[in-house]
Amino acid sequence: MLGSDDDDVLLLNEPNENVYVSIRNTKDFCFATVYVFSTTASKVFLIDSANPLSGMTLVWEGDPFVHCIVEHHQGYLYLFTDAARGGQPTDNHYILRSSLDVAFDKRIWEGSGRALSESDDGE
């Protein structure tokens, strides 16, 4: 029942008040995405929309203050980010892809090979 705490399930408890938490959904509505940003790390979790009580799955973790957006399309996760590449900081955003079926600790993000900058005109 809306407004009742009796049936609530705790998915995330973040006691640190210096943490920014954002909840969105993927464009295909297959997942809710939970973004957790702090001075120590950036993390993205997925919640399966078909089974929301199954918990959250960590799909990406990066350095503090890194911007990223995770989307899902046909069994792949796409990460749009400005995270350091090969240990080197970047001023551009780029896209990475990974199969949804891979566990976080085994996940390999494939690069697009093309960095996107704010000045890109799409050509």
PDB file of N, CA and C in Angstrom:
ATOM      1  N   MET A   1       0.842  -1.173   0.000  1.00  0.00           N
ATOM      2  CA  MET A   1       0.000   0.000   0.000  1.00  0.00           C
ATOM      3  C   MET A   1       0.893   1.243   0.000  1.00  0.00           C
ATOM      4  N   LEU A   2       0.552   2.191  -0.818  1.00  0.00           N
ATOM      5  CA  LEU A   2       1.301   3.433  -0.900  1.00  0.00           C
ATOM      6  C   LEU A   2       1.266   4.147   0.443  1.00  0.00           C
ATOM      7  N   GLY A   3       2.436   4.548   0.921  1.00  0.00           N
ATOM      8  CA  GLY A   3       2.514   5.250   2.194  1.00  0.00           C
ATOM      9  C   GLY A   3       2.726   4.344   3.385  1.00  0.00           C
ATOM     10  N   SER A   4       2.793   3.042   3.158  1.00  0.00           N
ATOM     11  CA  SER A   4       2.991   2.087   4.248  1.00  0.00           C
ATOM     12  C   SER A   4       4.435   1.619   4.262  1.00  0.00           C
ATOM     13  N   ASP A   5       5.048   1.582   5.448  1.00  0.00           N
ATOM     14  CA  ASP A   5       6.416   1.095   5.590  1.00  0.00           C
ATOM     15  C   ASP A   5       6.476  -0.408   5.801  1.00  0.00           C
ATOM     16  N   ASP A   6       5.349  -1.045   6.031  1.00  0.00           N
ATOM     17  CA  ASP A   6       5.319  -2.465   6.386  1.00  0.00           C
ATOM     18  C   ASP A   6       5.954  -3.362   5.333  1.00  0.00           C
ATOM     19  N   ASP A   7       5.726  -3.081   4.062  1.00  0.00           N
ATOM     20  CA  ASP A   7       6.212  -3.949   2.996  1.00  0.00           C
ATOM     21  C   ASP A   7       7.444  -3.397   2.281  1.00  0.00           C
ATOM     22  N   ASP A   8       8.020  -2.312   2.796  1.00  0.00           N
ATOM     23  CA  ASP A   8       9.192  -1.721   2.153  1.00  0.00           C
ATOM     24  C   ASP A   8      10.397  -2.646   2.255  1.00  0.00           C
ATOM     25  N   VAL A   9      11.200  -2.659   1.205  1.00  0.00           N
ATOM     26  CA  VAL A   9      12.434  -3.442   1.174  1.00  0.00           C
ATOM     27  C   VAL A   9      13.589  -2.461   0.989  1.00  0.00           C
ATOM     28  N   LEU A  10      14.564  -2.509   1.882  1.00  0.00           N
ATOM     29  CA  LEU A  10      15.718  -1.624   1.798  1.00  0.00           C
ATOM     30  C   LEU A  10      16.661  -2.116   0.702  1.00  0.00           C
ATOM     31  N   LEU A  11      16.923  -1.261  -0.279  1.00  0.00           N
ATOM     32  CA  LEU A  11      17.838  -1.609  -1.363  1.00  0.00           C
ATOM     33  C   LEU A  11      19.193  -0.936  -1.198  1.00  0.00           C
ATOM     34  N   LEU A  12      19.216   0.233  -0.588  1.00  0.00           N
ATOM     35  CA  LEU A  12      20.468   0.970  -0.420  1.00  0.00           C
ATOM     36  C   LEU A  12      20.387   1.777   0.858  1.00  0.00           C
ATOM     37  N   ASN A  13      21.392   1.644   1.695  1.00  0.00           N
ATOM     38  CA  ASN A  13      21.505   2.451   2.902  1.00  0.00           C
ATOM     39  C   ASN A  13      22.822   3.203   2.811  1.00  0.00           C
ATOM     40  N   GLU A  14      22.744   4.500   2.619  1.00  0.00           N
ATOM     41  CA  GLU A  14      23.946   5.314   2.484  1.00  0.00           C
ATOM     42  C   GLU A  14      23.979   6.326   3.627  1.00  0.00           C
ATOM     43  N   PRO A  15      24.712   6.010   4.699  1.00  0.00           N
ATOM     44  CA  PRO A  15      24.736   6.897   5.863  1.00  0.00           C
ATOM     45  C   PRO A  15      25.542   8.179   5.646  1.00  0.00           C
ATOM     46  N   ASN A  16      26.421   8.205   4.660  1.00  0.00           N
ATOM     47  CA  ASN A  16      27.253   9.374   4.402  1.00  0.00           C
ATOM     48  C   ASN A  16      26.418  10.453   3.722  1.00  0.00           C
ATOM     49  N   GLU A  17      26.313  11.613   4.338  1.00  0.00           N
ATOM     50  CA  GLU A  17      25.495  12.684   3.764  1.00  0.00           C
ATOM     51  C   GLU A  17      26.182  13.415   2.613  1.00  0.00           C
ATOM     52  N   ASN A  18      27.433  13.096   2.346  1.00  0.00           N
ATOM     53  CA  ASN A  18      28.164  13.709   1.237  1.00  0.00           C
ATOM     54  C   ASN A  18      28.086  12.875  -0.034  1.00  0.00           C
ATOM     55  N   VAL A  19      27.089  12.029  -0.121  1.00  0.00           N
ATOM     56  CA  VAL A  19      26.909  11.158  -1.278  1.00  0.00           C
ATOM     57  C   VAL A  19      25.676  11.616  -2.052  1.00  0.00           C
ATOM     58  N   TYR A  20      25.813  11.679  -3.365  1.00  0.00           N
ATOM     59  CA  TYR A  20      24.701  12.024  -4.241  1.00  0.00           C
ATOM     60  C   TYR A  20      24.161  10.731  -4.839  1.00  0.00           C
ATOM     61  N   VAL A  21      22.855  10.505  -4.683  1.00  0.00           N
ATOM     62  CA  VAL A  21      22.213   9.311  -5.229  1.00  0.00           C
ATOM     63  C   VAL A  21      21.142   9.759  -6.221  1.00  0.00           C
ATOM     64  N   SER A  22      21.171   9.169  -7.403  1.00  0.00           N
ATOM     65  CA  SER A  22      20.195   9.479  -8.441  1.00  0.00           C
ATOM     66  C   SER A  22      19.618   8.171  -8.970  1.00  0.00           C
ATOM     67  N   ILE A  23      18.305   8.136  -9.138  1.00  0.00           N
ATOM     68  CA  ILE A  23      17.636   6.938  -9.661  1.00  0.00           C
ATOM     69  C   ILE A  23      16.926   7.318 -10.950  1.00  0.00           C
ATOM     70  N   ARG A  24      17.198   6.557 -11.998  1.00  0.00           N
ATOM     71  CA  ARG A  24      16.586   6.771 -13.312  1.00  0.00           C
ATOM     72  C   ARG A  24      16.150   5.418 -13.861  1.00  0.00           C
ATOM     73  N   ASN A  25      15.628   5.414 -15.042  1.00  0.00           N
ATOM     74  CA  ASN A  25      15.353   4.151 -15.729  1.00  0.00           C
ATOM     75  C   ASN A  25      16.059   4.178 -17.081  1.00  0.00           C
ATOM     76  N   THR A  26      16.359   2.981 -17.598  1.00  0.00           N
ATOM     77  CA  THR A  26      16.935   2.921 -18.934  1.00  0.00           C
ATOM     78  C   THR A  26      15.850   3.283 -19.940  1.00  0.00           C
ATOM     79  N   LYS A  27      16.261   3.678 -21.122  1.00  0.00           N
ATOM     80  CA  LYS A  27      15.306   4.118 -22.148  1.00  0.00           C
ATOM     81  C   LYS A  27      14.304   3.031 -22.524  1.00  0.00           C
ATOM     82  N   ASP A  28      14.725   1.763 -22.410  1.00  0.00           N
ATOM     83  CA  ASP A  28      13.813   0.665 -22.740  1.00  0.00           C
ATOM     84  C   ASP A  28      13.012   0.197 -21.523  1.00  0.00           C
ATOM     85  N   PHE A  29      13.183   0.844 -20.385  1.00  0.00           N
ATOM     86  CA  PHE A  29      12.479   0.551 -19.137  1.00  0.00           C
ATOM     87  C   PHE A  29      12.749  -0.847 -18.594  1.00  0.00           C
ATOM     88  N   CYS A  30      13.791  -1.512 -19.068  1.00  0.00           N
ATOM     89  CA  CYS A  30      14.134  -2.841 -18.551  1.00  0.00           C
ATOM     90  C   CYS A  30      14.804  -2.767 -17.187  1.00  0.00           C
ATOM     91  N   PHE A  31      15.449  -1.647 -16.890  1.00  0.00           N
ATOM     92  CA  PHE A  31      16.185  -1.508 -15.633  1.00  0.00           C
ATOM     93  C   PHE A  31      15.988  -0.126 -15.031  1.00  0.00           C
ATOM     94  N   ALA A  32      16.030  -0.083 -13.716  1.00  0.00           N
ATOM     95  CA  ALA A  32      16.220   1.178 -13.005  1.00  0.00           C
ATOM     96  C   ALA A  32      17.718   1.288 -12.771  1.00  0.00           C
ATOM     97  N   THR A  33      18.267   2.464 -12.940  1.00  0.00           N
ATOM     98  CA  THR A  33      19.692   2.672 -12.700  1.00  0.00           C
ATOM     99  C   THR A  33      19.840   3.529 -11.455  1.00  0.00           C
ATOM    100  N   VAL A  34      20.743   3.120 -10.579  1.00  0.00           N
ATOM    101  CA  VAL A  34      21.018   3.857  -9.348  1.00  0.00           C
ATOM    102  C   VAL A  34      22.456   4.346  -9.433  1.00  0.00           C
ATOM    103  N   TYR A  35      22.615   5.658  -9.474  1.00  0.00           N
ATOM    104  CA  TYR A  35      23.930   6.286  -9.559  1.00  0.00           C
ATOM    105  C   TYR A  35      24.303   6.790  -8.173  1.00  0.00           C
ATOM    106  N   VAL A  36      25.484   6.411  -7.701  1.00  0.00           N
ATOM    107  CA  VAL A  36      25.970   6.831  -6.387  1.00  0.00           C
ATOM    108  C   VAL A  36      27.317   7.516  -6.597  1.00  0.00           C
ATOM    109  N   PHE A  37      27.362   8.813  -6.318  1.00  0.00           N
ATOM    110  CA  PHE A  37      28.581   9.595  -6.525  1.00  0.00           C
ATOM    111  C   PHE A  37      29.036  10.185  -5.204  1.00  0.00           C
ATOM    112  N   SER A  38      30.333  10.096  -4.930  1.00  0.00           N
ATOM    113  CA  SER A  38      30.892  10.665  -3.704  1.00  0.00           C
ATOM    114  C   SER A  38      32.308  11.157  -3.968  1.00  0.00           C
ATOM    115  N   THR A  39      32.954  11.629  -2.920  1.00  0.00           N
ATOM    116  CA  THR A  39      34.332  12.099  -3.043  1.00  0.00           C
ATOM    117  C   THR A  39      35.318  10.946  -3.142  1.00  0.00           C
ATOM    118  N   THR A  40      34.843   9.713  -2.954  1.00  0.00           N
ATOM    119  CA  THR A  40      35.745   8.560  -3.003  1.00  0.00           C
ATOM    120  C   THR A  40      35.507   7.643  -4.193  1.00  0.00           C
ATOM    121  N   ALA A  41      34.310   7.651  -4.770  1.00  0.00           N
ATOM    122  CA  ALA A  41      34.025   6.741  -5.889  1.00  0.00           C
ATOM    123  C   ALA A  41      32.737   7.136  -6.603  1.00  0.00           C
ATOM    124  N   SER A  42      32.591   6.628  -7.805  1.00  0.00           N
ATOM    125  CA  SER A  42      31.352   6.716  -8.572  1.00  0.00           C
ATOM    126  C   SER A  42      30.922   5.287  -8.860  1.00  0.00           C
ATOM    127  N   LYS A  43      29.647   4.982  -8.629  1.00  0.00           N
ATOM    128  CA  LYS A  43      29.148   3.624  -8.853  1.00  0.00           C
ATOM    129  C   LYS A  43      27.799   3.685  -9.547  1.00  0.00           C
ATOM    130  N   VAL A  44      27.548   2.660 -10.359  1.00  0.00           N
ATOM    131  CA  VAL A  44      26.246   2.525 -11.003  1.00  0.00           C
ATOM    132  C   VAL A  44      25.737   1.112 -10.743  1.00  0.00           C
ATOM    133  N   PHE A  45      24.502   1.035 -10.264  1.00  0.00           N
ATOM    134  CA  PHE A  45      23.841  -0.238  -9.995  1.00  0.00           C
ATOM    135  C   PHE A  45      22.629  -0.366 -10.910  1.00  0.00           C
ATOM    136  N   LEU A  46      22.250  -1.602 -11.223  1.00  0.00           N
ATOM    137  CA  LEU A  46      21.022  -1.873 -11.971  1.00  0.00           C
ATOM    138  C   LEU A  46      20.032  -2.602 -11.083  1.00  0.00           C
ATOM    139  N   ILE A  47      18.755  -2.287 -11.283  1.00  0.00           N
ATOM    140  CA  ILE A  47      17.661  -3.027 -10.668  1.00  0.00           C
ATOM    141  C   ILE A  47      16.790  -3.526 -11.812  1.00  0.00           C
ATOM    142  N   ASP A  48      16.567  -4.811 -11.869  1.00  0.00           N
ATOM    143  CA  ASP A  48      15.744  -5.417 -12.920  1.00  0.00           C
ATOM    144  C   ASP A  48      14.294  -4.975 -12.738  1.00  0.00           C
ATOM    145  N   SER A  49      13.735  -4.287 -13.717  1.00  0.00           N
ATOM    146  CA  SER A  49      12.359  -3.797 -13.616  1.00  0.00           C
ATOM    147  C   SER A  49      11.344  -4.925 -13.533  1.00  0.00           C
ATOM    148  N   ALA A  50      11.661  -6.075 -14.119  1.00  0.00           N
ATOM    149  CA  ALA A  50      10.749  -7.218 -14.073  1.00  0.00           C
ATOM    150  C   ALA A  50      10.764  -7.900 -12.708  1.00  0.00           C
ATOM    151  N   ASN A  51      11.830  -7.686 -11.930  1.00  0.00           N
ATOM    152  CA  ASN A  51      11.957  -8.299 -10.607  1.00  0.00           C
ATOM    153  C   ASN A  51      12.660  -7.314  -9.669  1.00  0.00           C
ATOM    154  N   PRO A  52      12.006  -6.206  -9.327  1.00  0.00           N
ATOM    155  CA  PRO A  52      12.673  -5.143  -8.584  1.00  0.00           C
ATOM    156  C   PRO A  52      13.128  -5.525  -7.176  1.00  0.00           C
ATOM    157  N   LEU A  53      12.548  -6.546  -6.592  1.00  0.00           N
ATOM    158  CA  LEU A  53      12.947  -6.962  -5.248  1.00  0.00           C
ATOM    159  C   LEU A  53      14.142  -7.899  -5.258  1.00  0.00           C
ATOM    160  N   SER A  54      14.695  -8.168  -6.447  1.00  0.00           N
ATOM    161  CA  SER A  54      15.859  -9.059  -6.539  1.00  0.00           C
ATOM    162  C   SER A  54      17.144  -8.370  -6.088  1.00  0.00           C
ATOM    163  N   GLY A  55      17.082  -7.077  -5.841  1.00  0.00           N
ATOM    164  CA  GLY A  55      18.244  -6.343  -5.357  1.00  0.00           C
ATOM    165  C   GLY A  55      18.940  -5.571  -6.457  1.00  0.00           C
ATOM    166  N   MET A  56      20.048  -4.961  -6.081  1.00  0.00           N
ATOM    167  CA  MET A  56      20.821  -4.142  -7.010  1.00  0.00           C
ATOM    168  C   MET A  56      22.085  -4.885  -7.419  1.00  0.00           C
ATOM    169  N   THR A  57      22.475  -4.706  -8.671  1.00  0.00           N
ATOM    170  CA  THR A  57      23.694  -5.316  -9.196  1.00  0.00           C
ATOM    171  C   THR A  57      24.658  -4.205  -9.591  1.00  0.00           C
ATOM    172  N   LEU A  58      25.861  -4.230  -9.042  1.00  0.00           N
ATOM    173  CA  LEU A  58      26.883  -3.255  -9.409  1.00  0.00           C
ATOM    174  C   LEU A  58      27.357  -3.556 -10.827  1.00  0.00           C
ATOM    175  N   VAL A  59      27.270  -2.555 -11.720  1.00  0.00           N
ATOM    176  CA  VAL A  59      27.706  -2.766 -13.100  1.00  0.00           C
ATOM    177  C   VAL A  59      28.905  -1.911 -13.480  1.00  0.00           C
ATOM    178  N   TRP A  60      29.192  -0.855 -12.700  1.00  0.00           N
ATOM    179  CA  TRP A  60      30.336  -0.015 -13.017  1.00  0.00           C
ATOM    180  C   TRP A  60      30.782   0.729 -11.772  1.00  0.00           C
ATOM    181  N   GLU A  61      32.095   0.854 -11.616  1.00  0.00           N
ATOM    182  CA  GLU A  61      32.662   1.624 -10.514  1.00  0.00           C
ATOM    183  C   GLU A  61      33.858   2.400 -11.039  1.00  0.00           C
ATOM    184  N   GLY A  62      33.928   3.674 -10.683  1.00  0.00           N
ATOM    185  CA  GLY A  62      35.011   4.505 -11.183  1.00  0.00           C
ATOM    186  C   GLY A  62      35.497   5.501 -10.151  1.00  0.00           C
ATOM    187  N   ASP A  63      36.346   6.398 -10.603  1.00  0.00           N
ATOM    188  CA  ASP A  63      36.922   7.424  -9.745  1.00  0.00           C
ATOM    189  C   ASP A  63      35.854   8.422  -9.302  1.00  0.00           C
ATOM    190  N   PRO A  64      36.169   9.205  -8.253  1.00  0.00           N
ATOM    191  CA  PRO A  64      35.215  10.219  -7.803  1.00  0.00           C
ATOM    192  C   PRO A  64      34.928  11.250  -8.891  1.00  0.00           C
ATOM    193  N   PHE A  65      33.722  11.774  -8.861  1.00  0.00           N
ATOM    194  CA  PHE A  65      33.287  12.868  -9.731  1.00  0.00           C
ATOM    195  C   PHE A  65      33.304  12.529 -11.220  1.00  0.00           C
ATOM    196  N   VAL A  66      33.327  11.262 -11.561  1.00  0.00           N
ATOM    197  CA  VAL A  66      33.258  10.849 -12.961  1.00  0.00           C
ATOM    198  C   VAL A  66      31.792  10.858 -13.386  1.00  0.00           C
ATOM    199  N   HIS A  67      31.533  11.403 -14.541  1.00  0.00           N
ATOM    200  CA  HIS A  67      30.172  11.420 -15.072  1.00  0.00           C
ATOM    201  C   HIS A  67      29.942  10.177 -15.919  1.00  0.00           C
ATOM    202  N   CYS A  68      28.777   9.595 -15.799  1.00  0.00           N
ATOM    203  CA  CYS A  68      28.458   8.442 -16.645  1.00  0.00           C
ATOM    204  C   CYS A  68      26.952   8.251 -16.715  1.00  0.00           C
ATOM    205  N   ILE A  69      26.534   7.653 -17.801  1.00  0.00           N
ATOM    206  CA  ILE A  69      25.144   7.254 -18.001  1.00  0.00           C
ATOM    207  C   ILE A  69      25.182   5.828 -18.516  1.00  0.00           C
ATOM    208  N   VAL A  70      24.362   4.964 -17.942  1.00  0.00           N
ATOM    209  CA  VAL A  70      24.280   3.572 -18.389  1.00  0.00           C
ATOM    210  C   VAL A  70      22.932   3.364 -19.066  1.00  0.00           C
ATOM    211  N   GLU A  71      22.967   2.764 -20.236  1.00  0.00           N
ATOM    212  CA  GLU A  71      21.752   2.397 -20.964  1.00  0.00           C
ATOM    213  C   GLU A  71      21.811   0.922 -21.332  1.00  0.00           C
ATOM    214  N   HIS A  72      20.653   0.347 -21.622  1.00  0.00           N
ATOM    215  CA  HIS A  72      20.541  -1.057 -22.008  1.00  0.00           C
ATOM    216  C   HIS A  72      19.891  -1.130 -23.383  1.00  0.00           C
ATOM    217  N   HIS A  73      20.427  -2.015 -24.234  1.00  0.00           N
ATOM    218  CA  HIS A  73      19.824  -2.242 -25.550  1.00  0.00           C
ATOM    219  C   HIS A  73      20.192  -3.639 -26.026  1.00  0.00           C
ATOM    220  N   GLN A  74      19.195  -4.468 -26.236  1.00  0.00           N
ATOM    221  CA  GLN A  74      19.343  -5.804 -26.815  1.00  0.00           C
ATOM    222  C   GLN A  74      20.468  -6.623 -26.177  1.00  0.00           C
ATOM    223  N   GLY A  75      20.449  -6.701 -24.844  1.00  0.00           N
ATOM    224  CA  GLY A  75      21.398  -7.559 -24.134  1.00  0.00           C
ATOM    225  C   GLY A  75      22.759  -6.949 -23.863  1.00  0.00           C
ATOM    226  N   TYR A  76      22.928  -5.690 -24.192  1.00  0.00           N
ATOM    227  CA  TYR A  76      24.190  -4.993 -23.931  1.00  0.00           C
ATOM    228  C   TYR A  76      23.951  -3.771 -23.055  1.00  0.00           C
ATOM    229  N   LEU A  77      24.948  -3.465 -22.234  1.00  0.00           N
ATOM    230  CA  LEU A  77      24.967  -2.224 -21.485  1.00  0.00           C
ATOM    231  C   LEU A  77      25.883  -1.258 -22.220  1.00  0.00           C
ATOM    232  N   TYR A  78      25.468  -0.010 -22.308  1.00  0.00           N
ATOM    233  CA  TYR A  78      26.269   1.035 -22.932  1.00  0.00           C
ATOM    234  C   TYR A  78      26.569   2.088 -21.873  1.00  0.00           C
ATOM    235  N   LEU A  79      27.830   2.441 -21.752  1.00  0.00           N
ATOM    236  CA  LEU A  79      28.281   3.407 -20.765  1.00  0.00           C
ATOM    237  C   LEU A  79      28.821   4.631 -21.491  1.00  0.00           C
ATOM    238  N   PHE A  80      28.213   5.769 -21.246  1.00  0.00           N
ATOM    239  CA  PHE A  80      28.660   7.044 -21.800  1.00  0.00           C
ATOM    240  C   PHE A  80      29.353   7.783 -20.663  1.00  0.00           C
ATOM    241  N   THR A  81      30.660   8.011 -20.765  1.00  0.00           N
ATOM    242  CA  THR A  81      31.422   8.492 -19.617  1.00  0.00           C
ATOM    243  C   THR A  81      32.586   9.394 -20.009  1.00  0.00           C
ATOM    244  N   ASP A  82      33.096  10.085 -19.011  1.00  0.00           N
ATOM    245  CA  ASP A  82      34.329  10.858 -19.161  1.00  0.00           C
ATOM    246  C   ASP A  82      35.412  10.317 -18.224  1.00  0.00           C
ATOM    247  N   ALA A  83      35.291   9.049 -17.841  1.00  0.00           N
ATOM    248  CA  ALA A  83      36.268   8.410 -16.950  1.00  0.00           C
ATOM    249  C   ALA A  83      37.639   8.349 -17.620  1.00  0.00           C
ATOM    250  N   ALA A  84      38.674   8.300 -16.798  1.00  0.00           N
ATOM    251  CA  ALA A  84      40.037   8.170 -17.323  1.00  0.00           C
ATOM    252  C   ALA A  84      40.118   6.929 -18.204  1.00  0.00           C
ATOM    253  N   ARG A  85      40.886   7.035 -19.275  1.00  0.00           N
ATOM    254  CA  ARG A  85      41.058   5.930 -20.230  1.00  0.00           C
ATOM    255  C   ARG A  85      42.490   5.458 -20.195  1.00  0.00           C
ATOM    256  N   GLY A  86      42.693   4.191 -19.876  1.00  0.00           N
ATOM    257  CA  GLY A  86      44.045   3.655 -19.804  1.00  0.00           C
ATOM    258  C   GLY A  86      44.879   4.375 -18.755  1.00  0.00           C
ATOM    259  N   GLY A  87      44.216   4.818 -17.686  1.00  0.00           N
ATOM    260  CA  GLY A  87      44.910   5.525 -16.622  1.00  0.00           C
ATOM    261  C   GLY A  87      45.166   6.994 -16.907  1.00  0.00           C
ATOM    262  N   GLN A  88      44.749   7.460 -18.076  1.00  0.00           N
ATOM    263  CA  GLN A  88      44.968   8.855 -18.467  1.00  0.00           C
ATOM    264  C   GLN A  88      43.648   9.628 -18.433  1.00  0.00           C
ATOM    265  N   PRO A  89      43.622  10.792 -17.761  1.00  0.00           N
ATOM    266  CA  PRO A  89      42.403  11.605 -17.747  1.00  0.00           C
ATOM    267  C   PRO A  89      42.017  12.027 -19.163  1.00  0.00           C
ATOM    268  N   THR A  90      40.742  12.261 -19.372  1.00  0.00           N
ATOM    269  CA  THR A  90      40.260  12.700 -20.677  1.00  0.00           C
ATOM    270  C   THR A  90      39.310  13.876 -20.501  1.00  0.00           C
ATOM    271  N   ASP A  91      39.295  14.764 -21.462  1.00  0.00           N
ATOM    272  CA  ASP A  91      38.369  15.896 -21.448  1.00  0.00           C
ATOM    273  C   ASP A  91      37.131  15.598 -22.281  1.00  0.00           C
ATOM    274  N   ASN A  92      37.073  14.404 -22.838  1.00  0.00           N
ATOM    275  CA  ASN A  92      35.982  14.022 -23.730  1.00  0.00           C
ATOM    276  C   ASN A  92      35.149  12.904 -23.126  1.00  0.00           C
ATOM    277  N   HIS A  93      33.940  12.790 -23.609  1.00  0.00           N
ATOM    278  CA  HIS A  93      33.094  11.647 -23.272  1.00  0.00           C
ATOM    279  C   HIS A  93      33.254  10.593 -24.363  1.00  0.00           C
ATOM    280  N   TYR A  94      33.070   9.348 -24.002  1.00  0.00           N
ATOM    281  CA  TYR A  94      33.162   8.261 -24.962  1.00  0.00           C
ATOM    282  C   TYR A  94      32.189   7.161 -24.554  1.00  0.00           C
ATOM    283  N   ILE A  95      31.966   6.218 -25.459  1.00  0.00           N
ATOM    284  CA  ILE A  95      30.987   5.153 -25.234  1.00  0.00           C
ATOM    285  C   ILE A  95      31.704   3.818 -25.117  1.00  0.00           C
ATOM    286  N   LEU A  96      31.286   3.043 -24.119  1.00  0.00           N
ATOM    287  CA  LEU A  96      31.782   1.680 -23.932  1.00  0.00           C
ATOM    288  C   LEU A  96      30.590   0.735 -23.951  1.00  0.00           C
ATOM    289  N   ARG A  97      30.839  -0.529 -24.277  1.00  0.00           N
ATOM    290  CA  ARG A  97      29.772  -1.524 -24.353  1.00  0.00           C
ATOM    291  C   ARG A  97      30.221  -2.787 -23.646  1.00  0.00           C
ATOM    292  N   SER A  98      29.259  -3.453 -22.985  1.00  0.00           N
ATOM    293  CA  SER A  98      29.539  -4.718 -22.318  1.00  0.00           C
ATOM    294  C   SER A  98      28.287  -5.580 -22.340  1.00  0.00           C
ATOM    295  N   SER A  99      28.481  -6.875 -22.460  1.00  0.00           N
ATOM    296  CA  SER A  99      27.356  -7.795 -22.429  1.00  0.00           C
ATOM    297  C   SER A  99      26.706  -7.760 -21.053  1.00  0.00           C
ATOM    298  N   LEU A 100      25.400  -7.800 -21.027  1.00  0.00           N
ATOM    299  CA  LEU A 100      24.656  -7.786 -19.769  1.00  0.00           C
ATOM    300  C   LEU A 100      24.893  -9.051 -18.960  1.00  0.00           C
ATOM    301  N   ASP A 101      25.215 -10.155 -19.622  1.00  0.00           N
ATOM    302  CA  ASP A 101      25.323 -11.460 -18.969  1.00  0.00           C
ATOM    303  C   ASP A 101      26.625 -11.689 -18.214  1.00  0.00           C
ATOM    304  N   VAL A 102      27.485 -10.686 -18.123  1.00  0.00           N
ATOM    305  CA  VAL A 102      28.789 -10.848 -17.487  1.00  0.00           C
ATOM    306  C   VAL A 102      28.738 -10.300 -16.064  1.00  0.00           C
ATOM    307  N   ALA A 103      29.301 -11.049 -15.109  1.00  0.00           N
ATOM    308  CA  ALA A 103      29.365 -10.595 -13.725  1.00  0.00           C
ATOM    309  C   ALA A 103      30.271  -9.372 -13.621  1.00  0.00           C
ATOM    310  N   PHE A 104      30.003  -8.500 -12.628  1.00  0.00           N
ATOM    311  CA  PHE A 104      30.754  -7.253 -12.481  1.00  0.00           C
ATOM    312  C   PHE A 104      32.257  -7.476 -12.436  1.00  0.00           C
ATOM    313  N   ASP A 105      32.708  -8.453 -11.657  1.00  0.00           N
ATOM    314  CA  ASP A 105      34.149  -8.662 -11.498  1.00  0.00           C
ATOM    315  C   ASP A 105      34.804  -9.241 -12.746  1.00  0.00           C
ATOM    316  N   LYS A 106      34.013  -9.687 -13.720  1.00  0.00           N
ATOM    317  CA  LYS A 106      34.544 -10.230 -14.972  1.00  0.00           C
ATOM    318  C   LYS A 106      34.209  -9.330 -16.172  1.00  0.00           C
ATOM    319  N   ARG A 107      33.478  -8.241 -15.908  1.00  0.00           N
ATOM    320  CA  ARG A 107      32.985  -7.382 -16.987  1.00  0.00           C
ATOM    321  C   ARG A 107      34.131  -6.709 -17.735  1.00  0.00           C
ATOM    322  N   ILE A 108      34.060  -6.768 -19.049  1.00  0.00           N
ATOM    323  CA  ILE A 108      35.016  -6.085 -19.919  1.00  0.00           C
ATOM    324  C   ILE A 108      34.223  -5.083 -20.750  1.00  0.00           C
ATOM    325  N   TRP A 109      34.587  -3.823 -20.619  1.00  0.00           N
ATOM    326  CA  TRP A 109      33.935  -2.779 -21.396  1.00  0.00           C
ATOM    327  C   TRP A 109      34.708  -2.586 -22.690  1.00  0.00           C
ATOM    328  N   GLU A 110      34.030  -2.784 -23.815  1.00  0.00           N
ATOM    329  CA  GLU A 110      34.641  -2.609 -25.133  1.00  0.00           C
ATOM    330  C   GLU A 110      34.533  -1.143 -25.526  1.00  0.00           C
ATOM    331  N   GLY A 111      35.642  -0.567 -26.011  1.00  0.00           N
ATOM    332  CA  GLY A 111      35.646   0.833 -26.406  1.00  0.00           C
ATOM    333  C   GLY A 111      35.073   1.050 -27.783  1.00  0.00           C
ATOM    334  N   SER A 112      34.546   2.244 -27.984  1.00  0.00           N
ATOM    335  CA  SER A 112      33.992   2.605 -29.286  1.00  0.00           C
ATOM    336  C   SER A 112      35.090   3.010 -30.259  1.00  0.00           C
ATOM    337  N   GLY A 113      36.276   3.328 -29.706  1.00  0.00           N
ATOM    338  CA  GLY A 113      37.361   3.764 -30.568  1.00  0.00           C
ATOM    339  C   GLY A 113      37.262   5.216 -30.973  1.00  0.00           C
ATOM    340  N   ARG A 114      36.187   5.878 -30.564  1.00  0.00           N
ATOM    341  CA  ARG A 114      36.009   7.282 -30.931  1.00  0.00           C
ATOM    342  C   ARG A 114      35.560   8.063 -29.713  1.00  0.00           C
ATOM    343  N   ALA A 115      36.343   9.023 -29.312  1.00  0.00           N
ATOM    344  CA  ALA A 115      35.964   9.903 -28.209  1.00  0.00           C
ATOM    345  C   ALA A 115      35.006  10.961 -28.730  1.00  0.00           C
ATOM    346  N   LEU A 116      34.088  11.371 -27.898  1.00  0.00           N
ATOM    347  CA  LEU A 116      33.133  12.404 -28.261  1.00  0.00           C
ATOM    348  C   LEU A 116      33.416  13.640 -27.426  1.00  0.00           C
ATOM    349  N   SER A 117      33.567  14.773 -28.056  1.00  0.00           N
ATOM    350  CA  SER A 117      33.788  16.015 -27.322  1.00  0.00           C
ATOM    351  C   SER A 117      32.552  16.886 -27.449  1.00  0.00           C
ATOM    352  N   GLU A 118      32.493  17.927 -26.634  1.00  0.00           N
ATOM    353  CA  GLU A 118      31.350  18.833 -26.685  1.00  0.00           C
ATOM    354  C   GLU A 118      31.251  19.528 -28.031  1.00  0.00           C
ATOM    355  N   SER A 119      32.353  19.619 -28.754  1.00  0.00           N
ATOM    356  CA  SER A 119      32.339  20.309 -30.043  1.00  0.00           C
ATOM    357  C   SER A 119      31.981  19.392 -31.211  1.00  0.00           C
ATOM    358  N   ASP A 120      31.781  18.077 -30.929  1.00  0.00           N
ATOM    359  CA  ASP A 120      31.411  17.159 -32.015  1.00  0.00           C
ATOM    360  C   ASP A 120      30.100  17.602 -32.643  1.00  0.00           C
ATOM    361  N   ASP A 121      30.081  17.610 -33.965  1.00  0.00           N
ATOM    362  CA  ASP A 121      28.856  17.982 -34.669  1.00  0.00           C
ATOM    363  C   ASP A 121      28.180  16.780 -35.310  1.00  0.00           C
ATOM    364  N   GLY A 122      28.661  15.574 -34.976  1.00  0.00           N
ATOM    365  CA  GLY A 122      28.026  14.363 -35.467  1.00  0.00           C
ATOM    366  C   GLY A 122      28.474  13.921 -36.832  1.00  0.00           C
ATOM    367  N   GLU A 123      29.403  14.632 -37.469  1.00  0.00           N
ATOM    368  CA  GLU A 123      29.853  14.243 -38.809  1.00  0.00           C
ATOM    369  C   GLU A 123      31.046  13.337 -38.738  1.00  0.00           C
TER     370      GLU A 123
END
